[in-house]
C-alpha atoms as a PDB file:
ATOM      1  CA  MET A   1     -11.436  -8.835  -1.341  1.00  0.00           C
ATOM      2  CA  ALA A   2     -13.938  -7.294  -3.700  1.00  0.00           C
ATOM      3  CA  ILE A   3     -15.169  -3.754  -4.259  1.00  0.00           C
ATOM      4  CA  GLY A   4     -17.440  -2.867  -1.328  1.00  0.00           C
ATOM      5  CA  ASP A   5     -15.957  -5.432   1.076  1.00  0.00           C
ATOM      6  CA  GLU A   6     -14.977  -4.106   4.485  1.00  0.00           C
ATOM      7  CA  VAL A   7     -11.319  -4.446   5.422  1.00  0.00           C
ATOM      8  CA  THR A   8     -10.753  -5.760   8.929  1.00  0.00           C
ATOM      9  CA  ASP A   9      -8.845  -3.277  11.054  1.00  0.00           C
ATOM     10  CA  PHE A  10      -5.217  -4.286  11.548  1.00  0.00           C
ATOM     11  CA  GLU A  11      -2.100  -3.022  13.266  1.00  0.00           C
ATOM     12  CA  LEU A  12       1.458  -3.332  11.927  1.00  0.00           C
ATOM     13  CA  ARG A  13       4.725  -1.567  12.674  1.00  0.00           C
ATOM     14  CA  ASP A  14       5.888   1.120  10.267  1.00  0.00           C
ATOM     15  CA  GLU A  15       9.428   1.894   9.082  1.00  0.00           C
ATOM     16  CA  THR A  16      10.187   3.639  12.404  1.00  0.00           C
ATOM     17  CA  GLY A  17       8.918   0.722  14.487  1.00  0.00           C
ATOM     18  CA  ALA A  18       5.772   2.610  15.548  1.00  0.00           C
ATOM     19  CA  PRO A  19       2.505   0.657  15.550  1.00  0.00           C
ATOM     20  CA  ARG A  20       0.001   1.828  12.920  1.00  0.00           C
ATOM     21  CA  LYS A  21      -3.662   0.845  12.803  1.00  0.00           C
ATOM     22  CA  LEU A  22      -5.655   1.029   9.594  1.00  0.00           C
ATOM     23  CA  SER A  23      -8.473   2.833  11.407  1.00  0.00           C
ATOM     24  CA  ASP A  24      -6.045   5.555  12.537  1.00  0.00           C
ATOM     25  CA  LEU A  25      -4.618   5.947   9.034  1.00  0.00           C
ATOM     26  CA  LEU A  26      -8.160   6.456   7.693  1.00  0.00           C
ATOM     27  CA  VAL A  27      -9.041   9.312  10.049  1.00  0.00           C
ATOM     28  CA  ASP A  28      -8.061  12.032   7.575  1.00  0.00           C
ATOM     29  CA  GLY A  29      -9.242  10.375   4.363  1.00  0.00           C
ATOM     30  CA  PRO A  30      -8.956   7.313   2.131  1.00  0.00           C
ATOM     31  CA  VAL A  31      -5.854   5.140   2.235  1.00  0.00           C
ATOM     32  CA  VAL A  32      -4.181   3.734  -0.857  1.00  0.00           C
ATOM     33  CA  LEU A  33      -2.642   0.531   0.504  1.00  0.00           C
ATOM     34  CA  PHE A  34      -0.106  -0.788  -1.973  1.00  0.00           C
ATOM     35  CA  PHE A  35       1.547  -4.169  -1.512  1.00  0.00           C
ATOM     36  CA  TYR A  36       4.975  -4.757  -3.013  1.00  0.00           C
ATOM     37  CA  PRO A  37       7.135  -7.911  -2.978  1.00  0.00           C
ATOM     38  CA  ILE A  38      10.481  -6.635  -1.650  1.00  0.00           C
ATOM     39  CA  ALA A  39      11.817  -3.293  -0.474  1.00  0.00           C
ATOM     40  CA  SER A  40      14.622  -1.749  -2.524  1.00  0.00           C
ATOM     41  CA  SER A  41      14.227  -4.017  -5.545  1.00  0.00           C
ATOM     42  CA  GLY A  42      14.104  -2.273  -8.905  1.00  0.00           C
ATOM     43  CA  GLY A  43      10.401  -2.718  -9.592  1.00  0.00           C
ATOM     44  CA  CYS A  44       9.304  -1.962  -6.052  1.00  0.00           C
ATOM     45  CA  THR A  45      11.463   1.160  -5.956  1.00  0.00           C
ATOM     46  CA  ALA A  46       9.927   2.378  -9.218  1.00  0.00           C
ATOM     47  CA  GLU A  47       6.420   1.711  -7.878  1.00  0.00           C
ATOM     48  CA  ALA A  48       7.013   3.415  -4.511  1.00  0.00           C
ATOM     49  CA  CYS A  49       8.696   6.399  -6.168  1.00  0.00           C
ATOM     50  CA  ARG A  50       5.697   6.835  -8.464  1.00  0.00           C
ATOM     51  CA  PHE A  51       3.489   7.068  -5.363  1.00  0.00           C
ATOM     52  CA  ARG A  52       5.994   9.567  -3.904  1.00  0.00           C
ATOM     53  CA  ASP A  53       5.987  11.641  -7.090  1.00  0.00           C
ATOM     54  CA  LEU A  54       2.176  11.840  -7.004  1.00  0.00           C
ATOM     55  CA  SER A  55       2.003  12.566  -3.263  1.00  0.00           C
ATOM     56  CA  SER A  56       0.795  16.145  -3.697  1.00  0.00           C
ATOM     57  CA  GLU A  57      -1.965  14.949  -6.025  1.00  0.00           C
ATOM     58  CA  PHE A  58      -3.035  12.307  -3.503  1.00  0.00           C
ATOM     59  CA  ALA A  59      -2.996  14.958  -0.767  1.00  0.00           C
ATOM     60  CA  SER A  60      -5.130  17.277  -2.895  1.00  0.00           C
ATOM     61  CA  VAL A  61      -7.914  14.668  -2.873  1.00  0.00           C
ATOM     62  CA  GLY A  62      -7.437  13.863   0.816  1.00  0.00           C
ATOM     63  CA  ALA A  63      -5.834  10.450   0.325  1.00  0.00           C
ATOM     64  CA  ARG A  64      -2.557   9.001   1.496  1.00  0.00           C
ATOM     65  CA  PRO A  65      -0.448   6.166   0.122  1.00  0.00           C
ATOM     66  CA  VAL A  66       0.730   3.487   2.539  1.00  0.00           C
ATOM     67  CA  GLY A  67       3.164   0.787   1.390  1.00  0.00           C
ATOM     68  CA  ILE A  68       3.202  -2.725   2.790  1.00  0.00           C
ATOM     69  CA  SER A  69       5.484  -5.726   2.329  1.00  0.00           C
ATOM     70  CA  SER A  70       6.847  -8.620   4.338  1.00  0.00           C
ATOM     71  CA  ASP A  71      10.166  -6.825   4.851  1.00  0.00           C
ATOM     72  CA  ASN A  72      11.198  -6.115   8.423  1.00  0.00           C
ATOM     73  CA  VAL A  73      11.206  -2.641   9.958  1.00  0.00           C
ATOM     74  CA  THR A  74      14.919  -2.093   9.295  1.00  0.00           C
ATOM     75  CA  LYS A  75      14.594  -2.848   5.579  1.00  0.00           C
ATOM     76  CA  GLN A  76      11.491  -0.656   5.372  1.00  0.00           C
ATOM     77  CA  SER A  77      13.380   2.179   7.062  1.00  0.00           C
ATOM     78  CA  ILE A  78      16.302   1.944   4.639  1.00  0.00           C
ATOM     79  CA  PHE A  79      13.877   1.842   1.701  1.00  0.00           C
ATOM     80  CA  ALA A  80      11.894   4.864   2.935  1.00  0.00           C
ATOM     81  CA  THR A  81      14.972   6.944   3.753  1.00  0.00           C
ATOM     82  CA  SER A  82      16.999   6.176   0.629  1.00  0.00           C
ATOM     83  CA  ASN A  83      14.053   7.108  -1.613  1.00  0.00           C
ATOM     84  CA  GLN A  84      12.659   9.967   0.523  1.00  0.00           C
ATOM     85  CA  LEU A  85       9.221   8.392   0.298  1.00  0.00           C
ATOM     86  CA  GLY A  86       7.421  10.474   2.925  1.00  0.00           C
ATOM     87  CA  PHE A  87       4.610   7.999   3.618  1.00  0.00           C
ATOM     88  CA  PRO A  88       4.339   5.001   5.950  1.00  0.00           C
ATOM     89  CA  LEU A  89       5.774   1.624   4.989  1.00  0.00           C
ATOM     90  CA  LEU A  90       4.267  -1.204   7.016  1.00  0.00           C
ATOM     91  CA  SER A  91       6.007  -4.442   7.905  1.00  0.00           C
ATOM     92  CA  ASP A  92       3.778  -7.505   7.400  1.00  0.00           C
ATOM     93  CA  GLU A  93       6.450 -10.100   8.200  1.00  0.00           C
ATOM     94  CA  LYS A  94       3.985 -12.922   8.854  1.00  0.00           C
ATOM     95  CA  HIS A  95       1.845 -12.066   5.784  1.00  0.00           C
ATOM     96  CA  LYS A  96      -1.251 -11.688   7.978  1.00  0.00           C
ATOM     97  CA  VAL A  97      -2.620  -8.626   6.185  1.00  0.00           C
ATOM     98  CA  ALA A  98      -1.496  -9.797   2.737  1.00  0.00           C
ATOM     99  CA  LYS A  99      -3.360 -13.071   3.263  1.00  0.00           C
ATOM    100  CA  SER A 100      -6.501 -11.342   4.524  1.00  0.00           C
ATOM    101  CA  LEU A 101      -6.637  -9.059   1.460  1.00  0.00           C
ATOM    102  CA  GLY A 102      -5.629 -11.636  -1.145  1.00  0.00           C
ATOM    103  CA  ALA A 103      -2.191 -10.144  -1.770  1.00  0.00           C
ATOM    104  CA  TRP A 104      -0.320 -13.323  -0.842  1.00  0.00           C
ATOM    105  CA  ARG A 105       0.723 -16.260  -2.960  1.00  0.00           C
ATOM    106  CA  ALA A 106       1.753 -19.615  -1.579  1.00  0.00           C
ATOM    107  CA  TRP A 107       4.892 -19.977  -3.650  1.00  0.00           C
ATOM    108  CA  LEU A 108       7.086 -18.047  -5.994  1.00  0.00           C
ATOM    109  CA  PRO A 109      10.809 -18.501  -6.731  1.00  0.00           C
ATOM    110  CA  GLY A 110      12.926 -16.457  -4.360  1.00  0.00           C
ATOM    111  CA  GLY A 111      10.290 -16.494  -1.619  1.00  0.00           C
ATOM    112  CA  LEU A 112       8.437 -13.437  -2.933  1.00  0.00           C
ATOM    113  CA  HIS A 113       5.077 -14.230  -1.412  1.00  0.00           C
ATOM    114  CA  THR A 114       3.601 -10.722  -1.540  1.00  0.00           C
ATOM    115  CA  ARG A 115       1.682  -9.889  -4.718  1.00  0.00           C
ATOM    116  CA  ARG A 116       1.927  -6.429  -6.239  1.00  0.00           C
ATOM    117  CA  LYS A 117      -1.624  -5.291  -5.429  1.00  0.00           C
ATOM    118  CA  THR A 118      -3.146  -1.968  -4.483  1.00  0.00           C
ATOM    119  CA  PHE A 119      -6.363  -1.297  -2.606  1.00  0.00           C
ATOM    120  CA  VAL A 120      -8.069   2.064  -2.314  1.00  0.00           C
ATOM    121  CA  ILE A 121      -9.827   1.953   1.049  1.00  0.00           C
ATOM    122  CA  GLY A 122     -12.509   4.475   1.978  1.00  0.00           C
ATOM    123  CA  GLN A 123     -12.868   5.957   5.445  1.00  0.00           C
ATOM    124  CA  ASP A 124     -15.610   3.402   6.135  1.00  0.00           C
ATOM    125  CA  ARG A 125     -12.922   0.691   5.620  1.00  0.00           C
ATOM    126  CA  LYS A 126     -14.630  -0.503   2.428  1.00  0.00           C
ATOM    127  CA  VAL A 127     -12.642  -1.335  -0.697  1.00  0.00           C
ATOM    128  CA  VAL A 128     -13.237   1.329  -3.333  1.00  0.00           C
ATOM    129  CA  ALA A 129     -10.840  -0.067  -5.964  1.00  0.00           C
ATOM    130  CA  GLU A 130      -8.312  -2.842  -6.503  1.00  0.00           C
ATOM    131  CA  ILE A 131      -5.363  -2.738  -8.900  1.00  0.00           C
ATOM    132  CA  GLY A 132      -3.504  -5.986  -9.582  1.00  0.00           C
ATOM    133  CA  ASN A 133      -0.964  -5.343 -12.336  1.00  0.00           C
ATOM    134  CA  GLU A 134       2.387  -7.004 -11.549  1.00  0.00           C
ATOM    135  CA  LYS A 135       4.307  -5.727 -14.583  1.00  0.00           C
ATOM    136  CA  ASP A 136       3.654  -1.985 -14.961  1.00  0.00           C
ATOM    137  CA  MET A 137       5.137  -0.166 -11.989  1.00  0.00           C
ATOM    138  CA  ASN A 138       3.316   3.136 -12.629  1.00  0.00           C
ATOM    139  CA  VAL A 139      -0.192   1.782 -13.106  1.00  0.00           C
ATOM    140  CA  HIS A 140      -0.832   1.288  -9.379  1.00  0.00           C
ATOM    141  CA  ALA A 141      -0.369   4.924  -8.391  1.00  0.00           C
ATOM    142  CA  ASP A 142      -2.001   6.269 -11.550  1.00  0.00           C
ATOM    143  CA  GLU A 143      -5.110   4.086 -11.313  1.00  0.00           C
ATOM    144  CA  ALA A 144      -5.391   4.521  -7.535  1.00  0.00           C
ATOM    145  CA  LEU A 145      -5.333   8.294  -7.905  1.00  0.00           C
ATOM    146  CA  GLU A 146      -8.071   8.102 -10.530  1.00  0.00           C
ATOM    147  CA  ALA A 147     -10.123   5.793  -8.274  1.00  0.00           C
ATOM    148  CA  VAL A 148      -9.840   8.230  -5.363  1.00  0.00           C
ATOM    149  CA  ARG A 149     -10.936  11.097  -7.597  1.00  0.00           C
ATOM    150  CA  LYS A 150     -13.986   9.113  -8.757  1.00  0.00           C
ATOM    151  CA  HIS A 151     -14.782   8.122  -5.175  1.00  0.00           C
ATOM    152  CA  GLN A 152     -14.673  11.783  -4.088  1.00  0.00           C
ATOM    153  CA  THR A 153     -17.206  12.783  -6.760  1.00  0.00           C
ATOM    154  CA  ALA A 154     -19.551   9.819  -6.202  1.00  0.00           C
END
């Protein structure tokens, strides 16, 4: 995906097992879709908690974070509850969405196929920004928030 590309609508189950469509998530404003390799791992917990800690700032610009990994609904639920995340975590067990957005890799030791990537998606389903840092756990939320702010003023 590149800036300006339109994201195909998709539907995945969230941490409660409820189906969530991208188009429904976008009704109230932009979505910050962040991919992470594995729920409850150290790096992924730090990344998700950074999004949680900035949730009021995302809300103030009308955006909402949405996490996504290949973990099943049960693992997503445990992850969301234990960290009081307060935003949807989607289960992409077959990597369908990760593959369509370029957040999938064919092989990595330990079976971690999901890349740590974040996409800011506007209400028109177009990519506003992409963040691809796999080492700094805070950069995704920080840069996504800045991208949403710029998008709001454009």
